[in-house]
């Protein structure tokens, strides 16, 4: 299969993954007005070196921590609304919406490369005058956060990988296998193991959507899907990051296996993984090689910080305390 066809198929499959994440409004948000960056509590915007206005919110107390949302393109507000109490008791959270996502503006040049998104994060850190921060990625955000940590290790106090993906194809394989098993027997076509992964992935995700079973893949408690939907009502939903990534083939830049490179990242790392998280992969965390990592397995699926606040909060308490003990 040619690289062009591979990228097209990968784009279709990953678009299904993006749409399987928390639901958002269909229309893109209007670009936010530029504002002076501030490390103070509350919402603000910062304009990047290439002129894109990024929206973010600072909330909580403690060691600075950047939430790196997944999707791609899902935005950070739903996690802030539903898990903010858990996160902000332990860290001074910075909830950034990546360019072309959530409340942030689109890039008129359509540059949504991994390198550019990493640079945006670094420019935000500098604008907030934060010397070092913790990175807290969720899902697809694991790829972005790991790329940032590799490029700017001196700016990373530690990492909290929350249901994180570091190898997209591996996580897609897990989603395909479990999603196919969730389908009713009379609506479960056979899977051709020789078919390209994106083709199998797109088919399974499409069938799950038709059968209204996507929530069973994402959440352990059916009520969580309703909570997430309610939290998303009225929120901005720019989809330019996601749609451009898929249409342009730039998603291939996010498809490399990042797990082997984690062996070279020496900062403390807390890995939180759902025991039934088949979106990331229930065993995906076993491929991580951070030298100073601690793994905490919690009940549930892909949104541990929302569905398991007590267990996640306890793990964050211990990790934040260990980081404070290391501070000069």
Foldseek 3Di string as FASTA:
>chain_A
DDPVVLLLLQLLLLLLVLCLPQHADDDFDDADDADQDELDAAKHWHADPLGWIKIKGWAADAFEEEEQEPSPQAFFQLCCVQQVVLPRPQHGYIGIRFALHWRIHHDPVLPLALVVSLSVVVVSCVSHVQQAGEYEYAALSQLSVLVNCVVCVRRYQEYEYALYAQAQLVLLVLCLVVLLVPDPPVLRDDDDPVDDSSVSSSVSSVSCVVVVNSCVLAKVDPVVSVSSNVSNPPTGGRNSSSVSCSVVSSCVSSRDRSQVVLLVRAHAYEYEAECRASNNHNCNCVSHRHPHYDYDYDHIYRHCSNPPSVSVSVVSVVVSVVSVVVDD
